[in-house]
Amino acid sequence: MATSEILVLVDSDTSWLPGLLENAQKPFSDPFAGGVSTPQHVHERPPSAPSRSRKGTPNSCARDTRWPGCASPLSGRHSRPTP
């Protein structure tokens, strides 16, 4: 159970630049803000990592797909356009 007004969810391999947490809280000064996403920079997959995820999709920048009627995850990940 969260014990404060703001909850931050990160992965175990997340690294933050100085000032990230302070800047990520600024949009919440707007009472209509429900969530914030920060930019993500996906690095190349190391050779020791599996080339596919558990779902069978490539472990790289995946296209951000929006499903009608569903909420999109707050991801700052930038996808490469598919030709």
PDB file of N, CA and C in Angstrom:
ATOM      1  N   MET A   1       0.837  -1.166   0.000  1.00  0.00           N
ATOM      2  CA  MET A   1       0.000   0.000   0.000  1.00  0.00           C
ATOM      3  C   MET A   1       0.892   1.242   0.000  1.00  0.00           C
ATOM      4  N   ALA A   2       0.582   2.164  -0.884  1.00  0.00           N
ATOM      5  CA  ALA A   2       1.331   3.422  -0.947  1.00  0.00           C
ATOM      6  C   ALA A   2       1.094   4.224   0.327  1.00  0.00           C
ATOM      7  N   THR A   3       2.139   4.908   0.768  1.00  0.00           N
ATOM      8  CA  THR A   3       2.027   5.704   1.993  1.00  0.00           C
ATOM      9  C   THR A   3       2.206   7.198   1.737  1.00  0.00           C
ATOM     10  N   SER A   4       2.275   7.595   0.479  1.00  0.00           N
ATOM     11  CA  SER A   4       2.403   9.018   0.157  1.00  0.00           C
ATOM     12  C   SER A   4       1.505   9.340  -1.031  1.00  0.00           C
ATOM     13  N   GLU A   5       1.455  10.606  -1.401  1.00  0.00           N
ATOM     14  CA  GLU A   5       0.570  11.030  -2.486  1.00  0.00           C
ATOM     15  C   GLU A   5       1.060  10.598  -3.855  1.00  0.00           C
ATOM     16  N   ILE A   6       2.359  10.424  -4.012  1.00  0.00           N
ATOM     17  CA  ILE A   6       2.932  10.077  -5.311  1.00  0.00           C
ATOM     18  C   ILE A   6       3.641   8.739  -5.206  1.00  0.00           C
ATOM     19  N   LEU A   7       3.348   7.858  -6.144  1.00  0.00           N
ATOM     20  CA  LEU A   7       3.952   6.533  -6.208  1.00  0.00           C
ATOM     21  C   LEU A   7       4.770   6.451  -7.488  1.00  0.00           C
ATOM     22  N   VAL A   8       6.017   6.022  -7.376  1.00  0.00           N
ATOM     23  CA  VAL A   8       6.904   5.909  -8.531  1.00  0.00           C
ATOM     24  C   VAL A   8       7.162   4.431  -8.788  1.00  0.00           C
ATOM     25  N   LEU A   9       6.890   3.979 -10.004  1.00  0.00           N
ATOM     26  CA  LEU A   9       7.137   2.596 -10.398  1.00  0.00           C
ATOM     27  C   LEU A   9       8.305   2.574 -11.373  1.00  0.00           C
ATOM     28  N   VAL A  10       9.320   1.791 -11.063  1.00  0.00           N
ATOM     29  CA  VAL A  10      10.494   1.676 -11.931  1.00  0.00           C
ATOM     30  C   VAL A  10      10.923   0.220 -12.002  1.00  0.00           C
ATOM     31  N   ASP A  11      11.679  -0.114 -13.025  1.00  0.00           N
ATOM     32  CA  ASP A  11      12.260  -1.443 -13.157  1.00  0.00           C
ATOM     33  C   ASP A  11      13.581  -1.503 -12.402  1.00  0.00           C
ATOM     34  N   SER A  12      14.077  -2.716 -12.212  1.00  0.00           N
ATOM     35  CA  SER A  12      15.329  -2.906 -11.472  1.00  0.00           C
ATOM     36  C   SER A  12      16.542  -2.365 -12.217  1.00  0.00           C
ATOM     37  N   ASP A  13      16.430  -2.165 -13.516  1.00  0.00           N
ATOM     38  CA  ASP A  13      17.572  -1.668 -14.289  1.00  0.00           C
ATOM     39  C   ASP A  13      17.442  -0.182 -14.633  1.00  0.00           C
ATOM     40  N   THR A  14      16.607   0.533 -13.902  1.00  0.00           N
ATOM     41  CA  THR A  14      16.391   1.959 -14.144  1.00  0.00           C
ATOM     42  C   THR A  14      17.499   2.782 -13.514  1.00  0.00           C
ATOM     43  N   SER A  15      17.991   3.757 -14.242  1.00  0.00           N
ATOM     44  CA  SER A  15      18.947   4.714 -13.674  1.00  0.00           C
ATOM     45  C   SER A  15      18.389   6.111 -13.906  1.00  0.00           C
ATOM     46  N   TRP A  16      18.573   6.988 -12.920  1.00  0.00           N
ATOM     47  CA  TRP A  16      18.007   8.328 -12.978  1.00  0.00           C
ATOM     48  C   TRP A  16      19.096   9.367 -13.039  1.00  0.00           C
ATOM     49  N   LEU A  17      18.846  10.401 -13.811  1.00  0.00           N
ATOM     50  CA  LEU A  17      19.727  11.556 -13.826  1.00  0.00           C
ATOM     51  C   LEU A  17      19.349  12.462 -12.655  1.00  0.00           C
ATOM     52  N   PRO A  18      20.281  13.276 -12.181  1.00  0.00           N
ATOM     53  CA  PRO A  18      19.957  14.201 -11.090  1.00  0.00           C
ATOM     54  C   PRO A  18      18.770  15.098 -11.470  1.00  0.00           C
ATOM     55  N   GLY A  19      17.869  15.306 -10.538  1.00  0.00           N
ATOM     56  CA  GLY A  19      16.713  16.172 -10.755  1.00  0.00           C
ATOM     57  C   GLY A  19      15.498  15.487 -11.350  1.00  0.00           C
ATOM     58  N   LEU A  20      15.611  14.210 -11.729  1.00  0.00           N
ATOM     59  CA  LEU A  20      14.486  13.538 -12.385  1.00  0.00           C
ATOM     60  C   LEU A  20      13.257  13.482 -11.490  1.00  0.00           C
ATOM     61  N   LEU A  21      13.413  13.054 -10.252  1.00  0.00           N
ATOM     62  CA  LEU A  21      12.250  12.917  -9.373  1.00  0.00           C
ATOM     63  C   LEU A  21      11.581  14.270  -9.135  1.00  0.00           C
ATOM     64  N   GLU A  22      12.364  15.289  -8.895  1.00  0.00           N
ATOM     65  CA  GLU A  22      11.806  16.633  -8.678  1.00  0.00           C
ATOM     66  C   GLU A  22      11.028  17.095  -9.910  1.00  0.00           C
ATOM     67  N   ASN A  23      11.593  16.909 -11.089  1.00  0.00           N
ATOM     68  CA  ASN A  23      10.929  17.340 -12.321  1.00  0.00           C
ATOM     69  C   ASN A  23       9.700  16.503 -12.645  1.00  0.00           C
ATOM     70  N   ALA A  24       9.722  15.222 -12.311  1.00  0.00           N
ATOM     71  CA  ALA A  24       8.577  14.352 -12.589  1.00  0.00           C
ATOM     72  C   ALA A  24       7.370  14.715 -11.728  1.00  0.00           C
ATOM     73  N   GLN A  25       7.591  15.378 -10.606  1.00  0.00           N
ATOM     74  CA  GLN A  25       6.488  15.762  -9.724  1.00  0.00           C
ATOM     75  C   GLN A  25       5.818  17.071 -10.140  1.00  0.00           C
ATOM     76  N   LYS A  26       6.480  17.876 -10.943  1.00  0.00           N
ATOM     77  CA  LYS A  26       5.953  19.198 -11.312  1.00  0.00           C
ATOM     78  C   LYS A  26       4.583  19.154 -11.990  1.00  0.00           C
ATOM     79  N   PRO A  27       4.313  18.209 -12.904  1.00  0.00           N
ATOM     80  CA  PRO A  27       2.991  18.204 -13.545  1.00  0.00           C
ATOM     81  C   PRO A  27       1.837  17.993 -12.570  1.00  0.00           C
ATOM     82  N   PHE A  28       2.107  17.447 -11.389  1.00  0.00           N
ATOM     83  CA  PHE A  28       1.039  17.207 -10.426  1.00  0.00           C
ATOM     84  C   PHE A  28       0.543  18.485  -9.763  1.00  0.00           C
ATOM     85  N   SER A  29       1.142  19.634 -10.092  1.00  0.00           N
ATOM     86  CA  SER A  29       0.587  20.901  -9.615  1.00  0.00           C
ATOM     87  C   SER A  29      -0.754  21.174 -10.307  1.00  0.00           C
ATOM     88  N   ASP A  30      -0.991  20.513 -11.441  1.00  0.00           N
ATOM     89  CA  ASP A  30      -2.280  20.576 -12.129  1.00  0.00           C
ATOM     90  C   ASP A  30      -3.189  19.519 -11.500  1.00  0.00           C
ATOM     91  N   PRO A  31      -4.311  19.913 -10.894  1.00  0.00           N
ATOM     92  CA  PRO A  31      -5.172  18.932 -10.215  1.00  0.00           C
ATOM     93  C   PRO A  31      -5.769  17.882 -11.152  1.00  0.00           C
ATOM     94  N   PHE A  32      -5.714  18.116 -12.461  1.00  0.00           N
ATOM     95  CA  PHE A  32      -6.257  17.145 -13.411  1.00  0.00           C
ATOM     96  C   PHE A  32      -5.216  16.130 -13.878  1.00  0.00           C
ATOM     97  N   ALA A  33      -3.965  16.292 -13.462  1.00  0.00           N
ATOM     98  CA  ALA A  33      -2.915  15.332 -13.848  1.00  0.00           C
ATOM     99  C   ALA A  33      -3.138  14.035 -13.082  1.00  0.00           C
ATOM    100  N   GLY A  34      -3.196  12.942 -13.810  1.00  0.00           N
ATOM    101  CA  GLY A  34      -3.401  11.644 -13.178  1.00  0.00           C
ATOM    102  C   GLY A  34      -2.173  10.774 -13.204  1.00  0.00           C
ATOM    103  N   GLY A  35      -1.213  11.109 -14.044  1.00  0.00           N
ATOM    104  CA  GLY A  35       0.006  10.317 -14.147  1.00  0.00           C
ATOM    105  C   GLY A  35       1.034  11.055 -14.968  1.00  0.00           C
ATOM    106  N   VAL A  36       2.264  10.656 -14.797  1.00  0.00           N
ATOM    107  CA  VAL A  36       3.381  11.290 -15.496  1.00  0.00           C
ATOM    108  C   VAL A  36       4.301  10.192 -15.996  1.00  0.00           C
ATOM    109  N   SER A  37       4.835  10.389 -17.173  1.00  0.00           N
ATOM    110  CA  SER A  37       5.832   9.472 -17.709  1.00  0.00           C
ATOM    111  C   SER A  37       7.071  10.273 -18.055  1.00  0.00           C
ATOM    112  N   THR A  38       8.214   9.686 -17.846  1.00  0.00           N
ATOM    113  CA  THR A  38       9.468  10.353 -18.181  1.00  0.00           C
ATOM    114  C   THR A  38      10.058   9.706 -19.426  1.00  0.00           C
ATOM    115  N   PRO A  39      10.936  10.399 -20.141  1.00  0.00           N
ATOM    116  CA  PRO A  39      11.562   9.801 -21.318  1.00  0.00           C
ATOM    117  C   PRO A  39      12.366   8.557 -20.951  1.00  0.00           C
ATOM    118  N   GLN A  40      12.332   7.582 -21.812  1.00  0.00           N
ATOM    119  CA  GLN A  40      13.131   6.372 -21.636  1.00  0.00           C
ATOM    120  C   GLN A  40      14.069   6.256 -22.821  1.00  0.00           C
ATOM    121  N   HIS A  41      15.267   5.868 -22.550  1.00  0.00           N
ATOM    122  CA  HIS A  41      16.252   5.641 -23.601  1.00  0.00           C
ATOM    123  C   HIS A  41      16.629   4.171 -23.544  1.00  0.00           C
ATOM    124  N   VAL A  42      16.210   3.423 -24.544  1.00  0.00           N
ATOM    125  CA  VAL A  42      16.456   1.986 -24.575  1.00  0.00           C
ATOM    126  C   VAL A  42      17.820   1.749 -25.202  1.00  0.00           C
ATOM    127  N   HIS A  43      18.664   1.071 -24.458  1.00  0.00           N
ATOM    128  CA  HIS A  43      20.007   0.776 -24.950  1.00  0.00           C
ATOM    129  C   HIS A  43      19.997  -0.519 -25.752  1.00  0.00           C
ATOM    130  N   GLU A  44      21.008  -0.710 -26.554  1.00  0.00           N
ATOM    131  CA  GLU A  44      21.114  -1.943 -27.334  1.00  0.00           C
ATOM    132  C   GLU A  44      21.152  -3.153 -26.398  1.00  0.00           C
ATOM    133  N   ARG A  45      20.575  -4.231 -26.846  1.00  0.00           N
ATOM    134  CA  ARG A  45      20.540  -5.466 -26.065  1.00  0.00           C
ATOM    135  C   ARG A  45      21.939  -6.061 -25.982  1.00  0.00           C
ATOM    136  N   PRO A  46      22.408  -6.360 -24.757  1.00  0.00           N
ATOM    137  CA  PRO A  46      23.717  -7.009 -24.652  1.00  0.00           C
ATOM    138  C   PRO A  46      23.658  -8.416 -25.248  1.00  0.00           C
ATOM    139  N   PRO A  47      24.760  -8.920 -25.791  1.00  0.00           N
ATOM    140  CA  PRO A  47      24.754 -10.253 -26.414  1.00  0.00           C
ATOM    141  C   PRO A  47      24.291 -11.361 -25.473  1.00  0.00           C
ATOM    142  N   SER A  48      24.472 -11.170 -24.162  1.00  0.00           N
ATOM    143  CA  SER A  48      24.089 -12.216 -23.207  1.00  0.00           C
ATOM    144  C   SER A  48      22.586 -12.234 -22.930  1.00  0.00           C
ATOM    145  N   ALA A  49      21.862 -11.190 -23.338  1.00  0.00           N
ATOM    146  CA  ALA A  49      20.423 -11.118 -23.080  1.00  0.00           C
ATOM    147  C   ALA A  49      19.660 -11.871 -24.164  1.00  0.00           C
ATOM    148  N   PRO A  50      18.497 -12.438 -23.801  1.00  0.00           N
ATOM    149  CA  PRO A  50      17.705 -13.133 -24.821  1.00  0.00           C
ATOM    150  C   PRO A  50      17.245 -12.157 -25.897  1.00  0.00           C
ATOM    151  N   SER A  51      17.136 -12.635 -27.124  1.00  0.00           N
ATOM    152  CA  SER A  51      16.745 -11.761 -28.228  1.00  0.00           C
ATOM    153  C   SER A  51      15.237 -11.577 -28.307  1.00  0.00           C
ATOM    154  N   ARG A  52      14.501 -12.403 -27.575  1.00  0.00           N
ATOM    155  CA  ARG A  52      13.046 -12.274 -27.589  1.00  0.00           C
ATOM    156  C   ARG A  52      12.530 -12.268 -26.155  1.00  0.00           C
ATOM    157  N   SER A  53      11.429 -11.559 -25.939  1.00  0.00           N
ATOM    158  CA  SER A  53      10.824 -11.509 -24.617  1.00  0.00           C
ATOM    159  C   SER A  53      10.041 -12.792 -24.365  1.00  0.00           C
ATOM    160  N   ARG A  54       9.490 -12.911 -23.169  1.00  0.00           N
ATOM    161  CA  ARG A  54       8.683 -14.090 -22.835  1.00  0.00           C
ATOM    162  C   ARG A  54       7.441 -14.181 -23.711  1.00  0.00           C
ATOM    163  N   LYS A  55       6.993 -13.046 -24.229  1.00  0.00           N
ATOM    164  CA  LYS A  55       5.810 -13.051 -25.095  1.00  0.00           C
ATOM    165  C   LYS A  55       6.169 -13.328 -26.544  1.00  0.00           C
ATOM    166  N   GLY A  56       7.460 -13.484 -26.840  1.00  0.00           N
ATOM    167  CA  GLY A  56       7.873 -13.784 -28.199  1.00  0.00           C
ATOM    168  C   GLY A  56       8.128 -12.563 -29.052  1.00  0.00           C
ATOM    169  N   THR A  57       8.052 -11.375 -28.452  1.00  0.00           N
ATOM    170  CA  THR A  57       8.317 -10.160 -29.215  1.00  0.00           C
ATOM    171  C   THR A  57       9.777  -9.773 -29.069  1.00  0.00           C
ATOM    172  N   PRO A  58      10.341  -9.111 -30.057  1.00  0.00           N
ATOM    173  CA  PRO A  58      11.752  -8.731 -29.960  1.00  0.00           C
ATOM    174  C   PRO A  58      12.011  -7.832 -28.757  1.00  0.00           C
ATOM    175  N   ASN A  59      13.142  -8.039 -28.082  1.00  0.00           N
ATOM    176  CA  ASN A  59      13.529  -7.201 -26.951  1.00  0.00           C
ATOM    177  C   ASN A  59      14.221  -5.952 -27.470  1.00  0.00           C
ATOM    178  N   SER A  60      13.450  -5.007 -27.912  1.00  0.00           N
ATOM    179  CA  SER A  60      13.956  -3.727 -28.401  1.00  0.00           C
ATOM    180  C   SER A  60      12.828  -2.729 -28.229  1.00  0.00           C
ATOM    181  N   CYS A  61      12.943  -1.572 -28.836  1.00  0.00           N
ATOM    182  CA  CYS A  61      11.859  -0.586 -28.758  1.00  0.00           C
ATOM    183  C   CYS A  61      10.653  -1.148 -29.488  1.00  0.00           C
ATOM    184  N   ALA A  62       9.600  -1.403 -28.776  1.00  0.00           N
ATOM    185  CA  ALA A  62       8.389  -1.919 -29.401  1.00  0.00           C
ATOM    186  C   ALA A  62       7.468  -0.764 -29.756  1.00  0.00           C
ATOM    187  N   ARG A  63       6.697  -0.937 -30.779  1.00  0.00           N
ATOM    188  CA  ARG A  63       5.746   0.106 -31.170  1.00  0.00           C
ATOM    189  C   ARG A  63       4.718   0.264 -30.053  1.00  0.00           C
ATOM    190  N   ASP A  64       4.387   1.504 -29.744  1.00  0.00           N
ATOM    191  CA  ASP A  64       3.378   1.794 -28.730  1.00  0.00           C
ATOM    192  C   ASP A  64       2.016   1.652 -29.382  1.00  0.00           C
ATOM    193  N   THR A  65       1.291   0.604 -29.042  1.00  0.00           N
ATOM    194  CA  THR A  65      -0.002   0.324 -29.647  1.00  0.00           C
ATOM    195  C   THR A  65      -1.112   0.771 -28.711  1.00  0.00           C
ATOM    196  N   ARG A  66      -2.054   1.478 -29.221  1.00  0.00           N
ATOM    197  CA  ARG A  66      -3.199   1.935 -28.434  1.00  0.00           C
ATOM    198  C   ARG A  66      -4.412   1.075 -28.811  1.00  0.00           C
ATOM    199  N   TRP A  67      -5.040   0.493 -27.799  1.00  0.00           N
ATOM    200  CA  TRP A  67      -6.222  -0.327 -28.030  1.00  0.00           C
ATOM    201  C   TRP A  67      -7.458   0.513 -27.711  1.00  0.00           C
ATOM    202  N   PRO A  68      -8.449   0.563 -28.614  1.00  0.00           N
ATOM    203  CA  PRO A  68      -9.659   1.355 -28.353  1.00  0.00           C
ATOM    204  C   PRO A  68     -10.339   0.910 -27.062  1.00  0.00           C
ATOM    205  N   GLY A  69     -10.714   1.878 -26.240  1.00  0.00           N
ATOM    206  CA  GLY A  69     -11.428   1.580 -25.008  1.00  0.00           C
ATOM    207  C   GLY A  69     -10.549   1.182 -23.847  1.00  0.00           C
ATOM    208  N   CYS A  70      -9.257   1.135 -24.033  1.00  0.00           N
ATOM    209  CA  CYS A  70      -8.351   0.737 -22.957  1.00  0.00           C
ATOM    210  C   CYS A  70      -7.412   1.887 -22.622  1.00  0.00           C
ATOM    211  N   ALA A  71      -6.945   1.914 -21.400  1.00  0.00           N
ATOM    212  CA  ALA A  71      -5.973   2.923 -20.990  1.00  0.00           C
ATOM    213  C   ALA A  71      -4.594   2.506 -21.470  1.00  0.00           C
ATOM    214  N   SER A  72      -3.859   3.445 -21.986  1.00  0.00           N
ATOM    215  CA  SER A  72      -2.498   3.174 -22.431  1.00  0.00           C
ATOM    216  C   SER A  72      -1.559   3.280 -21.239  1.00  0.00           C
ATOM    217  N   PRO A  73      -0.535   2.429 -21.167  1.00  0.00           N
ATOM    218  CA  PRO A  73       0.423   2.565 -20.074  1.00  0.00           C
ATOM    219  C   PRO A  73       1.182   3.880 -20.208  1.00  0.00           C
ATOM    220  N   LEU A  74       1.612   4.416 -19.087  1.00  0.00           N
ATOM    221  CA  LEU A  74       2.406   5.644 -19.111  1.00  0.00           C
ATOM    222  C   LEU A  74       3.842   5.270 -19.397  1.00  0.00           C
ATOM    223  N   SER A  75       4.197   5.243 -20.632  1.00  0.00           N
ATOM    224  CA  SER A  75       5.558   4.897 -21.009  1.00  0.00           C
ATOM    225  C   SER A  75       6.174   6.048 -21.773  1.00  0.00           C
ATOM    226  N   GLY A  76       7.372   6.420 -21.398  1.00  0.00           N
ATOM    227  CA  GLY A  76       8.076   7.466 -22.114  1.00  0.00           C
ATOM    228  C   GLY A  76       8.962   6.906 -23.199  1.00  0.00           C
ATOM    229  N   ARG A  77       8.834   5.602 -23.448  1.00  0.00           N
ATOM    230  CA  ARG A  77       9.691   4.940 -24.432  1.00  0.00           C
ATOM    231  C   ARG A  77       9.359   5.432 -25.827  1.00  0.00           C
ATOM    232  N   HIS A  78      10.371   5.743 -26.562  1.00  0.00           N
ATOM    233  CA  HIS A  78      10.195   6.195 -27.940  1.00  0.00           C
ATOM    234  C   HIS A  78      10.406   5.008 -28.866  1.00  0.00           C
ATOM    235  N   SER A  79       9.464   4.793 -29.741  1.00  0.00           N
ATOM    236  CA  SER A  79       9.554   3.684 -30.683  1.00  0.00           C
ATOM    237  C   SER A  79      10.153   4.157 -31.991  1.00  0.00           C
ATOM    238  N   ARG A  80      10.859   3.265 -32.625  1.00  0.00           N
ATOM    239  CA  ARG A  80      11.339   3.546 -33.976  1.00  0.00           C
ATOM    240  C   ARG A  80      10.193   3.292 -34.935  1.00  0.00           C
ATOM    241  N   PRO A  81       9.989   4.168 -35.899  1.00  0.00           N
ATOM    242  CA  PRO A  81       8.899   3.931 -36.845  1.00  0.00           C
ATOM    243  C   PRO A  81       9.135   2.661 -37.653  1.00  0.00           C
ATOM    244  N   THR A  82       8.069   1.938 -37.893  1.00  0.00           N
ATOM    245  CA  THR A  82       8.150   0.738 -38.722  1.00  0.00           C
ATOM    246  C   THR A  82       7.974   1.143 -40.173  1.00  0.00           C
ATOM    247  N   PRO A  83       8.899   0.725 -41.055  1.00  0.00           N
ATOM    248  CA  PRO A  83       8.770   1.115 -42.473  1.00  0.00           C
ATOM    249  C   PRO A  83       7.536   0.521 -43.118  1.00  0.00           C
TER     250      PRO A  83
END
